[in-house]
Structure formats: structure tokens, C-alpha cells
Amino acid sequence: MKRKGRIFVTTFAGTLYTGCLEEAGCASFKFALGCSFGGRVPGVLNCRHQEKGLLEGGVDPRIAAYITDAGLDGLLVLNIDIDHAVITALVERWRPETHSFHLPHGEMTITLPPNRVVGRGPNTAVMEGARVKAKCIEEQFSNPLPADAIEVLVQQYARFYILEMLAVVGMGEVSTHMSCDEASTPGTAPRSTCYQVWDSKQKAVAAIYGDFKESYAELPRFLAGLKDVSPGTKYKLVVDENYERGTYTFKSVFWAFRPCIVGFKHCRPVISIDVTHLYGKYKGNLMIAMTTDANNKIYPLAFAVVENECTETWGWFLACIRRYVTDRRHLCVISDRHPGIQAIFRDTNRDFLQPSMTEHRYYLCHLCNNVNTRWNNETLKNLVWRAASATQERKFNATFDLIENVNRDVYQYLKDVPKKKWALTFDKGYRYGAMTTNVSECFNGVLKGARSLPITAMVKYTWFKLNSYFNDRRNKSIEQLNSGKKWC
């Protein structure tokens, strides 16, 4: 189990930091956690280890069969030597917004269907709100599995065993009544408060990727060095001069890499913009501009970190794109209907965002979801989608009339929105058939792990990730050309 745990940490860390880790090697990652995974590391979580109930006396072979089928053989080994660095790594991958672990292969969480496990309907003795009381489950499964147990009961015991082992080995007990410095039972690790868990996570991230505060001081040097080694890379750093002489306060930063800028000249003049939250030590928002290449593959174009999402920051981000990335006419910008975005396109003083220079369009999912949220009608939502994606005016009018017959309020709501911004029929071809911002949301998912890192480490991650994209596509193109494939 411990050996597998080491491989797991190395794997996800390599994915998270790509090129840097590959250059430094796995040994440096282990050193960052304290020279070895088994060692005691300052700032790394220590988890309680307890054995009771079902875990005593070995595992029933009938239960073990189900655990083996699930691929969790490691849980069959009792008295596991806990690898605290692995636990810390798991905590770093936990996202409270989704209540799940974000791993390279997808999201994972611990789920326990109440009715199937407990074996009876929810009641106040077993349920606390939408949660199952752990004490009730332990009481039910504390006795050994009966010799004549049916398969359903064996499955319930197997689920409880998996849950119990994950809770004992993988999760530190959270208590607000005892700190890490207080004495604990011999043979067990101290309990941790919620703040101590969070603080330990931040220390572990800082030990690997650098201090959060110092990262802001490192950012200008990194961007300047990147521009030297990759001429044509553009960035703009905005700071406020502090009251202390020689010090500055970070406000925002924009960056776009040279290969992205050069390659966009050969792409369709359509970009989608989106924003996502940062959830490291210092909050903020990450703005992303994306497009697609000739093969309809995602093509990251530009990034920015700002303090918040508002009219001013959206205007600044698009102004940077217009100044540093592209000056093409009839550039189509697809976005949601955020008030700040709508305001900048209504501002006639921003000439670079007016028609003939820039065309603004809404992405369809946002409009359909608004209709479904306000009127709670799936049929209307589907009708709006059908009308918006219609390619002939007569089909659009027929569907629009049907919406009016079903719900007059929805019809009036859509009528107040300029048709060219949401209906493909009246688009005049500027959006090239792109109706969503899926490319931006897709890349947001790619950046999930990096959004909790110090700012310089996050910028580095975008650099290595885009290098990987371009390198993979170049190799694929060379392979196709060498095989005799011809391009029309």
C-alpha cells in the first residue's frame, strides 16, 4: 500500500507540474516533501490511526472478494504504515466547492448511498439532514458478518469496510477541542482543527511551488526572462505604488505566448472568453481567451489574472487582446451575458469593441439555462435551443411563433435580446457556427489543479501546458506528412 501510494503521488505531481518536474526529476519532489515520503515533514499532516469494529480480526473472505473486484486490494492490509506526505497530497487535491478529489484521470469522491448501506429508510436517528450519522453505521456493522448472510448484506459490509479504511487511513480526524500541540493517546497522531488542515495544505504547496507572497515578487522577473527566451511573447503587469518607497501592490497581469499569437493569424477570427476563480492563499479571477484551430482542437490564446470580474477588468482584458494579440477586423467574441461584458460592448468610447472591428455574440447554453431557471420548463429550453441553432429564417420564425404560443413571457424576454447575438440565422456568419464557449470551459478544467498554486507557478504551468500542446500537434503533423498524407 505504501509503495502504491508513492507511485500515486509522483504520478499526479508530474501531471500537475509537467515540464518543470520532468526536468527536476521525481527525487526533487520527494526532497521537497522532506527527503522521503516516510519521514516526518514540517507542515505535513499527521493522521490518526485507529483499529476497531469490523477492522479487528481480519477480513471475511466474502467481503474480501468484493474489495478485490473493486481493485482496492490495498485496503485488505491492516496496520498500514501511514504515508503522511501522501495524505497531504490528497488534501491538496481536495476541492471543497465540488466535495471531491481532482485527480489527473478525473474527479473522485467518497460516496455512501444511505438506503443501500444502512438498509432502511432515512429517519432522525440515522440521518442528520442529508448526511448519514457515522455512529449509526458503525453500530450496525460492528458485529462480524453472519455465516448465513445474503449477498446484499455482504455487499453492504464490503462498502462499510472500504469507507472505514478510507476514513481511518486517509482522513485526519477534525476536532475543535484539541490542537496539534496538545497531548494525545500514545501511538496516535495529534488531532487537527480545520484551520490547521488548511494551513498544512498551504505549507505543502509552498514547499513544492514556492511561497505565495514571494511568488508575486518573482512574477516580473519570470515574465521578463520568458520574453527574452521567446521574443514576441507579450505581457502587461499593472501595479499600484505603495506608501512604502520602492514597494508595489499587484493589481492584474496579462500574458500571451508568441506561438499562440503567431498561430492565431491562421485561425478563424472567433474567440470565446470566460473567467474562473482562483482558490489559493490569495483570491482573484483568471480570465481566459480561447479559440479553435483548423482541426477544431482547443487553442489557448491569452490569459489574465485580475482582482475581480467587473466592467473595468473585462474592458482591460479585451483591450490587451486587441493591442498585443490581434488587430483583425470583424473579430467575433463569444461570451456569457455578464453585466460587465455587456457594458463594455455598449460603451461607444471603446472603438476597438464596436461593429466592423469586433462583433459580440452570446453563447447559447447561458441563454437556454436562463430561460429554464426563470420558468422551470425543459420544453421551452429545448425550443429556445432549436430556434437559436436554426440555419433558415423560416425555421427560426416557426419555432419562435411556437415559443409565443407556449409562453408569452419567454417570447417577450427573447424579443428584447438582439437576435444577431443569439440566433445563428441572423449572425451573418461572424461566429462560424460556434454556439458555445465549451473550449474555454474545457481548458478551465485543465487548469483546476493550477488555480490553487502561487501565481508564478500558475503562469509557468500555462507555459509548459501550451508547449506540450504545440509539441504533440507538431509531431503528429510530421508523422502524417512522412506517411504520405497530402493536405488540400
Protein backbone atom coordinates (compact mmCIF):
# COMPACT_ATOMS: atom_id res chain seq x y z
CA MET A 1 0.00 0.00 0.00
CA LYS A 2 2.77 2.37 0.88
CA ARG A 3 4.63 1.56 -2.33
CA LYS A 4 1.49 2.24 -4.40
CA GLY A 5 0.97 5.46 -2.53
CA ARG A 6 4.39 6.70 -3.56
CA ILE A 7 3.73 5.96 -7.20
CA PHE A 8 0.40 7.77 -6.98
CA VAL A 9 1.89 10.96 -5.60
CA THR A 10 4.68 11.01 -8.15
CA THR A 11 2.18 10.47 -10.96
CA PHE A 12 -0.19 13.28 -10.11
CA ALA A 13 2.56 15.68 -9.21
CA GLY A 14 4.22 15.10 -12.56
CA THR A 15 0.93 15.79 -14.29
CA LEU A 16 0.35 18.92 -12.26
CA TYR A 17 3.71 20.49 -12.98
CA THR A 18 4.63 18.86 -16.33
CA GLY A 19 7.90 20.14 -17.73
CA CYS A 20 9.38 21.52 -14.53
CA LEU A 21 9.03 18.26 -12.66
CA GLU A 22 10.29 16.27 -15.60
CA GLU A 23 13.43 18.39 -15.69
CA ALA A 24 13.93 18.32 -11.94
CA GLY A 25 13.13 14.62 -11.60
CA CYS A 26 10.97 12.81 -9.08
CA ALA A 27 13.76 12.85 -6.50
CA SER A 28 13.47 16.62 -6.07
CA PHE A 29 9.74 16.26 -5.49
CA LYS A 30 10.42 13.77 -2.70
CA PHE A 31 13.06 16.11 -1.29
CA ALA A 32 10.54 18.93 -1.25
CA LEU A 33 8.34 16.80 0.98
CA GLY A 34 11.19 16.07 3.36
CA CYS A 35 13.70 13.84 1.55
CA SER A 36 11.50 10.73 1.80
CA PHE A 37 7.80 10.01 1.88
CA GLY A 38 8.07 8.05 5.08
CA GLY A 39 9.79 10.81 7.04
CA ARG A 40 8.21 13.35 9.35
CA VAL A 41 7.81 16.58 7.41
CA PRO A 42 7.14 20.01 8.95
CA GLY A 43 3.78 21.31 7.75
CA VAL A 44 2.67 17.89 6.53
CA LEU A 45 -0.50 16.42 8.02
CA ASN A 46 -0.37 13.68 10.62
CA CYS A 47 -3.42 11.42 10.67
CA ARG A 48 -4.84 9.35 13.46
CA HIS A 49 -4.69 5.61 13.03
CA GLN A 50 -7.31 3.55 14.82
CA GLU A 51 -8.48 -0.03 14.58
CA LYS A 52 -11.90 -1.03 15.86
CA GLY A 53 -15.17 -2.70 14.95
CA LEU A 54 -15.12 -4.51 11.64
CA LEU A 55 -11.38 -3.94 11.21
CA GLU A 56 -10.44 -6.27 14.10
CA GLY A 57 -9.70 -9.91 13.47
CA GLY A 58 -9.05 -9.77 9.76
CA VAL A 59 -11.40 -9.52 6.80
CA ASP A 60 -14.10 -12.05 5.99
CA PRO A 61 -13.24 -13.80 2.67
CA ARG A 62 -16.70 -12.96 1.33
CA ILE A 63 -16.06 -9.26 1.93
CA ALA A 64 -12.53 -9.51 0.57
CA ALA A 65 -13.84 -10.88 -2.73
CA TYR A 66 -15.86 -7.72 -3.40
CA ILE A 67 -12.97 -5.45 -2.40
CA THR A 68 -10.64 -7.32 -4.76
CA ASP A 69 -13.16 -6.99 -7.60
CA ALA A 70 -13.23 -3.23 -6.96
CA GLY A 71 -9.44 -3.06 -7.37
CA LEU A 72 -8.87 -1.94 -3.77
CA ASP A 73 -6.71 -4.85 -2.62
CA GLY A 74 -4.51 -2.45 -0.68
CA LEU A 75 -7.31 -1.88 1.83
CA LEU A 76 -7.14 -5.57 2.82
CA VAL A 77 -3.79 -4.95 4.56
CA LEU A 78 -4.34 -3.97 8.18
CA ASN A 79 -1.84 -1.96 10.26
CA ILE A 80 -0.85 0.06 7.19
CA ASP A 81 2.13 2.32 7.67
CA ILE A 82 0.55 5.70 7.02
CA ASP A 83 2.35 7.84 4.48
CA HIS A 84 1.70 11.38 5.72
CA ALA A 85 3.04 13.03 2.58
CA VAL A 86 0.53 11.10 0.51
CA ILE A 87 -2.27 12.29 2.78
CA THR A 88 -1.06 15.87 2.39
CA ALA A 89 -1.03 15.43 -1.37
CA LEU A 90 -4.63 14.19 -1.25
CA VAL A 91 -5.65 17.19 0.83
CA GLU A 92 -4.05 19.46 -1.76
CA ARG A 93 -6.24 17.78 -4.39
CA TRP A 94 -9.46 18.17 -2.38
CA ARG A 95 -11.84 20.83 -3.69
CA PRO A 96 -14.50 21.98 -1.18
CA GLU A 97 -16.55 23.54 -3.99
CA THR A 98 -17.27 20.13 -5.53
CA HIS A 99 -16.59 17.94 -2.45
CA SER A 100 -14.29 15.72 -4.47
CA PHE A 101 -10.63 14.94 -5.22
CA HIS A 102 -9.42 16.36 -8.57
CA LEU A 103 -7.04 13.76 -9.98
CA PRO A 104 -5.38 13.56 -13.43
CA HIS A 105 -7.86 10.91 -14.59
CA GLY A 106 -10.93 12.81 -13.31
CA GLU A 107 -12.79 13.57 -10.10
CA MET A 108 -13.17 11.11 -7.22
CA THR A 109 -15.16 11.31 -4.01
CA ILE A 110 -16.30 9.03 -1.21
CA THR A 111 -19.99 8.28 -1.55
CA LEU A 112 -22.19 6.08 0.58
CA PRO A 113 -25.84 5.76 -0.57
CA PRO A 114 -27.80 5.87 2.73
CA ASN A 115 -30.67 3.49 1.91
CA ARG A 116 -28.47 0.83 0.28
CA VAL A 117 -25.85 0.83 3.04
CA VAL A 118 -27.89 1.36 6.18
CA GLY A 119 -30.61 -0.94 4.86
CA ARG A 120 -33.61 1.09 5.98
CA GLY A 121 -35.36 4.34 5.17
CA PRO A 122 -33.98 7.63 6.49
CA ASN A 123 -35.05 8.73 9.96
CA THR A 124 -33.89 11.19 12.57
CA ALA A 125 -31.96 8.51 14.46
CA VAL A 126 -29.90 7.59 11.41
CA MET A 127 -29.95 10.77 9.32
CA GLU A 128 -28.73 14.25 10.19
CA GLY A 129 -30.10 16.42 7.41
CA ALA A 130 -28.87 14.82 4.18
CA ARG A 131 -26.00 13.02 5.91
CA VAL A 132 -25.78 9.58 7.49
CA LYS A 133 -24.58 9.53 11.09
CA ALA A 134 -21.32 7.58 11.24
CA LYS A 135 -22.13 6.26 14.73
CA CYS A 136 -25.31 4.57 13.47
CA ILE A 137 -23.43 2.88 10.64
CA GLU A 138 -20.68 1.68 12.99
CA GLU A 139 -23.24 0.23 15.40
CA GLN A 140 -24.96 -1.68 12.60
CA PHE A 141 -21.75 -3.17 11.18
CA SER A 142 -19.75 -3.59 14.41
CA ASN A 143 -20.67 -7.31 14.68
CA PRO A 144 -18.99 -9.94 12.45
CA LEU A 145 -20.69 -10.88 9.21
CA PRO A 146 -23.20 -13.70 9.89
CA ALA A 147 -22.36 -17.08 8.39
CA ASP A 148 -25.70 -17.24 6.57
CA ALA A 149 -25.61 -13.62 5.29
CA ILE A 150 -27.24 -12.98 1.94
CA GLU A 151 -25.29 -11.33 -0.89
CA VAL A 152 -26.91 -7.93 -0.35
CA LEU A 153 -25.70 -7.85 3.26
CA VAL A 154 -22.19 -8.95 2.21
CA GLN A 155 -22.10 -6.05 -0.27
CA GLN A 156 -23.17 -3.63 2.48
CA TYR A 157 -20.39 -4.89 4.76
CA ALA A 158 -17.88 -4.50 1.91
CA ARG A 159 -18.95 -0.90 1.35
CA PHE A 160 -18.65 -0.16 5.05
CA TYR A 161 -15.18 -1.73 5.19
CA ILE A 162 -13.98 0.47 2.31
CA LEU A 163 -15.49 3.58 3.92
CA GLU A 164 -13.98 2.74 7.32
CA MET A 165 -10.49 2.13 5.92
CA LEU A 166 -10.55 5.34 3.89
CA ALA A 167 -11.67 7.25 6.97
CA VAL A 168 -9.07 5.66 9.25
CA VAL A 169 -6.08 5.70 6.88
CA GLY A 170 -6.85 8.59 4.56
CA MET A 171 -8.56 11.24 6.66
CA GLY A 172 -7.30 13.01 9.74
CA GLU A 173 -9.87 13.42 12.48
CA VAL A 174 -11.04 17.02 12.72
CA SER A 175 -11.61 18.37 16.20
CA THR A 176 -12.07 21.86 17.52
CA HIS A 177 -11.32 20.80 21.09
CA MET A 178 -7.70 19.70 20.76
CA SER A 179 -4.80 21.31 18.94
CA CYS A 180 -1.80 19.64 17.38
CA ASP A 181 0.35 20.72 20.30
CA GLU A 182 -1.81 19.02 22.94
CA ALA A 183 -1.07 15.56 24.21
CA SER A 184 -2.77 12.63 22.58
CA THR A 185 -3.13 8.94 23.20
CA PRO A 186 0.20 7.13 22.86
CA GLY A 187 0.56 5.57 19.44
CA THR A 188 -1.75 8.03 17.72
CA ALA A 189 -1.07 11.31 15.95
CA PRO A 190 -2.48 14.60 17.29
CA ARG A 191 -5.87 15.84 16.16
CA SER A 192 -6.10 18.78 13.78
CA THR A 193 -8.53 21.67 13.51
CA CYS A 194 -9.96 22.76 10.16
CA TYR A 195 -7.61 25.74 10.07
CA GLN A 196 -4.58 23.53 10.77
CA VAL A 197 -5.56 21.26 7.88
CA TRP A 198 -5.86 24.26 5.56
CA ASP A 199 -2.60 25.77 6.84
CA SER A 200 -0.77 22.47 6.36
CA LYS A 201 -2.00 22.31 2.79
CA GLN A 202 -0.68 25.82 2.10
CA LYS A 203 2.71 24.92 3.61
CA ALA A 204 2.94 21.78 1.49
CA VAL A 205 2.12 23.73 -1.68
CA ALA A 206 4.63 26.44 -0.73
CA ALA A 207 7.34 23.84 -0.08
CA ILE A 208 6.95 22.50 -3.62
CA TYR A 209 5.99 25.55 -5.70
CA GLY A 210 7.33 28.46 -3.64
CA ASP A 211 5.88 30.91 -1.14
CA PHE A 212 2.61 32.59 -2.17
CA LYS A 213 3.72 36.08 -1.19
CA GLU A 214 7.22 35.80 -2.66
CA SER A 215 5.70 34.48 -5.89
CA TYR A 216 4.33 37.95 -6.67
CA ALA A 217 7.85 39.40 -6.40
CA GLU A 218 9.17 36.63 -8.66
CA LEU A 219 6.49 37.17 -11.33
CA PRO A 220 8.04 40.23 -13.08
CA ARG A 221 11.43 38.51 -13.30
CA PHE A 222 9.90 35.34 -14.74
CA LEU A 223 7.86 37.22 -17.36
CA ALA A 224 10.86 39.31 -18.39
CA GLY A 225 13.00 36.19 -18.70
CA LEU A 226 10.28 34.45 -20.69
CA LYS A 227 10.12 37.36 -23.11
CA ASP A 228 13.91 37.15 -23.58
CA VAL A 229 13.90 33.46 -24.45
CA SER A 230 10.69 33.70 -26.52
CA PRO A 231 10.70 37.06 -28.34
CA GLY A 232 7.20 38.05 -29.32
CA THR A 233 5.65 36.93 -26.05
CA LYS A 234 3.53 39.75 -24.66
CA TYR A 235 2.64 40.63 -21.09
CA LYS A 236 1.37 43.61 -19.14
CA LEU A 237 1.73 43.91 -15.38
CA VAL A 238 -0.37 46.51 -13.54
CA VAL A 239 0.61 47.54 -10.01
CA ASP A 240 -0.18 50.30 -7.54
CA GLU A 241 2.69 52.17 -5.94
CA ASN A 242 2.57 51.54 -2.21
CA TYR A 243 3.04 54.10 0.54
CA GLU A 244 6.40 52.47 1.28
CA ARG A 245 9.02 53.68 -1.14
CA GLY A 246 10.11 51.06 -3.62
CA THR A 247 7.21 48.67 -2.99
CA TYR A 248 4.21 47.98 -5.22
CA THR A 249 0.83 46.27 -4.85
CA PHE A 250 -0.25 43.78 -7.50
CA LYS A 251 -3.46 44.59 -9.40
CA SER A 252 -3.53 42.50 -12.58
CA VAL A 253 -1.37 40.75 -15.15
CA PHE A 254 -1.97 39.78 -18.79
CA TRP A 255 0.14 37.34 -20.80
CA ALA A 256 0.06 35.73 -24.24
CA PHE A 257 2.80 33.48 -25.63
CA ARG A 258 4.41 34.07 -29.02
CA PRO A 259 3.38 30.73 -30.63
CA CYS A 260 -0.25 31.44 -29.73
CA ILE A 261 -0.12 34.97 -31.19
CA VAL A 262 1.55 33.87 -34.41
CA GLY A 263 -0.66 30.84 -34.91
CA PHE A 264 -3.90 32.77 -34.42
CA LYS A 265 -3.32 34.54 -37.73
CA HIS A 266 -4.19 31.22 -39.39
CA CYS A 267 -7.28 30.53 -37.27
CA ARG A 268 -10.85 31.70 -37.69
CA PRO A 269 -11.40 35.17 -36.15
CA VAL A 270 -13.55 33.82 -33.32
CA ILE A 271 -12.60 33.77 -29.64
CA SER A 272 -14.54 32.75 -26.56
CA ILE A 273 -13.85 34.42 -23.23
CA ASP A 274 -14.52 33.06 -19.79
CA VAL A 275 -13.46 33.61 -16.19
CA THR A 276 -12.83 31.26 -13.29
CA HIS A 277 -11.92 31.72 -9.63
CA LEU A 278 -8.53 31.23 -8.03
CA TYR A 279 -8.62 29.36 -4.72
CA GLY A 280 -5.08 29.62 -3.41
CA LYS A 281 -3.97 31.71 -0.45
CA TYR A 282 -4.84 34.95 -2.29
CA LYS A 283 -8.12 35.14 -4.15
CA GLY A 284 -8.69 36.54 -7.61
CA ASN A 285 -10.02 35.63 -11.04
CA LEU A 286 -8.34 34.01 -14.03
CA MET A 287 -9.58 35.26 -17.41
CA ILE A 288 -9.07 33.09 -20.48
CA ALA A 289 -9.43 33.73 -24.22
CA MET A 290 -9.69 30.59 -26.34
CA THR A 291 -10.25 29.70 -29.96
CA THR A 292 -10.05 26.57 -32.13
CA ASP A 293 -7.59 25.58 -34.83
CA ALA A 294 -8.40 24.21 -38.30
CA ASN A 295 -8.98 20.75 -36.80
CA ASN A 296 -11.40 22.20 -34.22
CA LYS A 297 -8.92 21.49 -31.41
CA ILE A 298 -8.70 23.85 -28.46
CA TYR A 299 -6.27 26.70 -28.96
CA PRO A 300 -5.45 28.77 -25.82
CA LEU A 301 -4.79 32.36 -26.80
CA ALA A 302 -4.38 34.69 -23.82
CA PHE A 303 -4.67 34.79 -20.04
CA ALA A 304 -5.06 37.39 -17.30
CA VAL A 305 -5.28 37.41 -13.51
CA VAL A 306 -7.41 40.22 -12.06
CA GLU A 307 -8.75 41.13 -8.64
CA ASN A 308 -12.42 40.68 -9.58
CA GLU A 309 -14.76 40.32 -12.54
CA CYS A 310 -16.29 43.68 -13.47
CA THR A 311 -16.68 46.12 -16.35
CA GLU A 312 -13.23 47.62 -15.82
CA THR A 313 -11.35 44.31 -15.77
CA TRP A 314 -13.20 42.88 -18.78
CA GLY A 315 -12.52 46.06 -20.73
CA TRP A 316 -8.84 45.93 -19.79
CA PHE A 317 -8.55 42.25 -20.78
CA LEU A 318 -10.11 42.77 -24.22
CA ALA A 319 -8.06 45.92 -24.77
CA CYS A 320 -4.89 43.87 -24.13
CA ILE A 321 -6.04 41.24 -26.62
CA ARG A 322 -6.68 43.92 -29.22
CA ARG A 323 -3.32 45.59 -28.58
CA TYR A 324 -0.98 42.63 -28.11
CA VAL A 325 -2.63 39.62 -29.80
CA THR A 326 -4.69 40.59 -32.86
CA ASP A 327 -5.97 43.64 -34.75
CA ARG A 328 -8.10 41.66 -37.21
CA ARG A 329 -11.37 43.23 -38.28
CA HIS A 330 -14.70 41.55 -37.54
CA LEU A 331 -13.27 39.63 -34.62
CA CYS A 332 -16.16 37.68 -33.07
CA VAL A 333 -16.16 37.49 -29.27
CA ILE A 334 -18.45 34.87 -27.71
CA SER A 335 -19.27 35.21 -24.02
CA ASP A 336 -21.98 34.80 -21.43
CA ARG A 337 -24.28 37.70 -20.54
CA HIS A 338 -22.30 39.04 -17.60
CA PRO A 339 -23.32 42.69 -16.95
CA GLY A 340 -19.68 43.82 -17.13
CA ILE A 341 -19.20 42.29 -20.58
CA GLN A 342 -22.45 43.76 -21.90
CA ALA A 343 -21.48 47.18 -20.55
CA ILE A 344 -18.14 47.34 -22.37
CA PHE A 345 -19.72 46.46 -25.71
CA ARG A 346 -22.35 49.18 -25.19
CA ASP A 347 -19.64 51.75 -24.44
CA THR A 348 -19.20 53.73 -27.66
CA ASN A 349 -15.93 55.20 -26.40
CA ARG A 350 -14.28 51.80 -26.88
CA ASP A 351 -13.85 51.94 -30.65
CA PHE A 352 -11.99 48.63 -30.79
CA LEU A 353 -15.12 46.84 -29.48
CA GLN A 354 -17.62 48.38 -31.90
CA PRO A 355 -19.06 46.65 -35.01
CA SER A 356 -16.75 46.35 -38.01
CA MET A 357 -13.88 45.87 -35.57
CA THR A 358 -15.45 43.46 -33.05
CA GLU A 359 -18.71 41.52 -33.15
CA HIS A 360 -20.19 40.39 -29.84
CA ARG A 361 -22.23 37.19 -29.53
CA TYR A 362 -23.77 35.24 -26.64
CA TYR A 363 -23.18 31.58 -26.13
CA LEU A 364 -26.35 29.57 -26.38
CA CYS A 365 -26.15 27.46 -23.20
CA HIS A 366 -26.25 30.56 -21.00
CA LEU A 367 -29.41 31.87 -22.66
CA CYS A 368 -31.17 28.49 -22.52
CA ASN A 369 -30.22 27.99 -18.87
CA ASN A 370 -31.58 31.44 -18.01
CA VAL A 371 -34.91 30.51 -19.57
CA ASN A 372 -35.01 27.19 -17.71
CA THR A 373 -34.05 28.85 -14.41
CA ARG A 374 -36.70 31.58 -14.62
CA TRP A 375 -39.58 29.49 -15.97
CA ASN A 376 -38.52 25.95 -14.97
CA ASN A 377 -39.67 24.47 -18.25
CA GLU A 378 -37.47 21.98 -20.08
CA THR A 379 -39.68 22.13 -23.18
CA LEU A 380 -39.19 25.88 -23.51
CA LYS A 381 -35.46 25.45 -23.04
CA ASN A 382 -35.34 22.96 -25.94
CA LEU A 383 -37.43 25.26 -28.13
CA VAL A 384 -35.04 28.17 -27.50
CA TRP A 385 -32.11 25.93 -28.46
CA ARG A 386 -33.90 24.86 -31.64
CA ALA A 387 -34.69 28.45 -32.62
CA ALA A 388 -31.16 29.69 -31.90
CA SER A 389 -29.48 26.92 -33.90
CA ALA A 390 -31.83 27.14 -36.89
CA THR A 391 -29.98 27.92 -40.13
CA GLN A 392 -33.02 29.17 -42.10
CA GLU A 393 -35.18 32.16 -41.23
CA ARG A 394 -38.45 30.34 -41.90
CA LYS A 395 -37.47 27.59 -39.44
CA PHE A 396 -36.49 30.21 -36.88
CA ASN A 397 -39.83 32.06 -37.28
CA ALA A 398 -41.82 28.84 -36.98
CA THR A 399 -40.07 27.88 -33.73
CA PHE A 400 -40.26 31.44 -32.40
CA ASP A 401 -44.02 31.51 -33.01
CA LEU A 402 -44.32 28.20 -31.17
CA ILE A 403 -42.49 29.73 -28.18
CA GLU A 404 -45.01 32.59 -28.21
CA ASN A 405 -47.91 30.13 -28.11
CA VAL A 406 -46.39 28.19 -25.22
CA ASN A 407 -45.33 31.14 -23.06
CA ARG A 408 -45.77 34.78 -23.97
CA ASP A 409 -43.32 35.97 -21.28
CA VAL A 410 -40.48 33.89 -22.68
CA TYR A 411 -41.26 35.18 -26.15
CA GLN A 412 -41.03 38.79 -24.93
CA TYR A 413 -37.84 38.02 -22.99
CA LEU A 414 -36.13 36.68 -26.13
CA LYS A 415 -37.51 39.50 -28.25
CA ASP A 416 -35.73 42.05 -26.05
CA VAL A 417 -32.38 40.35 -26.79
CA PRO A 418 -30.91 41.32 -30.19
CA LYS A 419 -31.40 38.33 -32.47
CA LYS A 420 -27.98 38.63 -34.05
CA LYS A 421 -26.37 37.99 -30.66
CA TRP A 422 -28.02 34.61 -30.06
CA ALA A 423 -29.68 33.31 -33.23
CA LEU A 424 -27.50 31.65 -35.87
CA THR A 425 -29.87 32.72 -38.67
CA PHE A 426 -29.17 36.42 -38.08
CA ASP A 427 -25.48 36.08 -37.22
CA LYS A 428 -24.22 36.89 -40.76
CA GLY A 429 -21.54 34.22 -40.39
CA TYR A 430 -19.34 36.02 -37.84
CA ARG A 431 -19.40 33.22 -35.28
CA TYR A 432 -18.61 30.50 -37.86
CA GLY A 433 -21.24 28.23 -36.32
CA ALA A 434 -19.71 28.34 -32.82
CA MET A 435 -22.64 28.48 -30.39
CA THR A 436 -20.94 27.73 -27.07
CA THR A 437 -17.84 28.53 -25.02
CA ASN A 438 -17.06 24.86 -24.46
CA VAL A 439 -13.41 25.39 -25.41
CA SER A 440 -12.94 27.90 -22.57
CA GLU A 441 -14.76 25.74 -20.03
CA CYS A 442 -12.75 22.72 -21.16
CA PHE A 443 -9.47 24.49 -20.53
CA ASN A 444 -10.79 25.73 -17.17
CA GLY A 445 -10.95 22.07 -16.22
CA VAL A 446 -7.36 21.57 -17.34
CA LEU A 447 -6.29 24.44 -15.07
CA LYS A 448 -8.18 23.26 -11.99
CA GLY A 449 -5.11 21.95 -10.20
CA ALA A 450 -3.03 25.00 -11.12
CA ARG A 451 -5.58 27.53 -9.87
CA SER A 452 -4.60 26.82 -6.26
CA LEU A 453 -0.87 27.40 -6.88
CA PRO A 454 1.19 30.57 -6.31
CA ILE A 455 0.77 32.98 -9.22
CA THR A 456 4.20 32.44 -10.81
CA ALA A 457 3.79 28.65 -10.65
CA MET A 458 0.40 29.02 -12.34
CA VAL A 459 1.88 31.11 -15.18
CA LYS A 460 4.64 28.52 -15.57
CA TYR A 461 2.01 25.81 -15.76
CA THR A 462 0.25 27.54 -18.68
CA TRP A 463 3.62 27.86 -20.44
CA PHE A 464 4.50 24.17 -20.09
CA LYS A 465 0.96 23.04 -20.90
CA LEU A 466 0.86 25.03 -24.13
CA ASN A 467 4.36 23.82 -25.04
CA SER A 468 3.05 20.29 -24.65
CA TYR A 469 0.06 21.04 -26.90
CA PHE A 470 2.18 22.52 -29.69
CA ASN A 471 4.80 19.80 -29.46
CA ASP A 472 2.24 16.99 -29.64
CA ARG A 473 0.47 18.53 -32.64
CA ARG A 474 3.75 19.22 -34.44
CA ASN A 475 4.87 15.61 -34.00
CA LYS A 476 1.50 14.37 -35.23
CA SER A 477 1.70 16.60 -38.32
CA ILE A 478 5.24 15.43 -39.12
CA GLU A 479 4.16 11.81 -38.76
CA GLN A 480 1.23 12.35 -41.16
CA LEU A 481 3.43 14.12 -43.72
CA ASN A 482 6.05 11.38 -43.55
CA SER A 483 3.38 8.77 -44.13
CA GLY A 484 2.48 10.45 -47.44
CA LYS A 485 -0.69 12.23 -46.35
CA LYS A 486 -1.43 15.26 -48.54
CA TRP A 487 -3.24 18.43 -47.49
CA CYS A 488 -5.70 20.13 -49.80
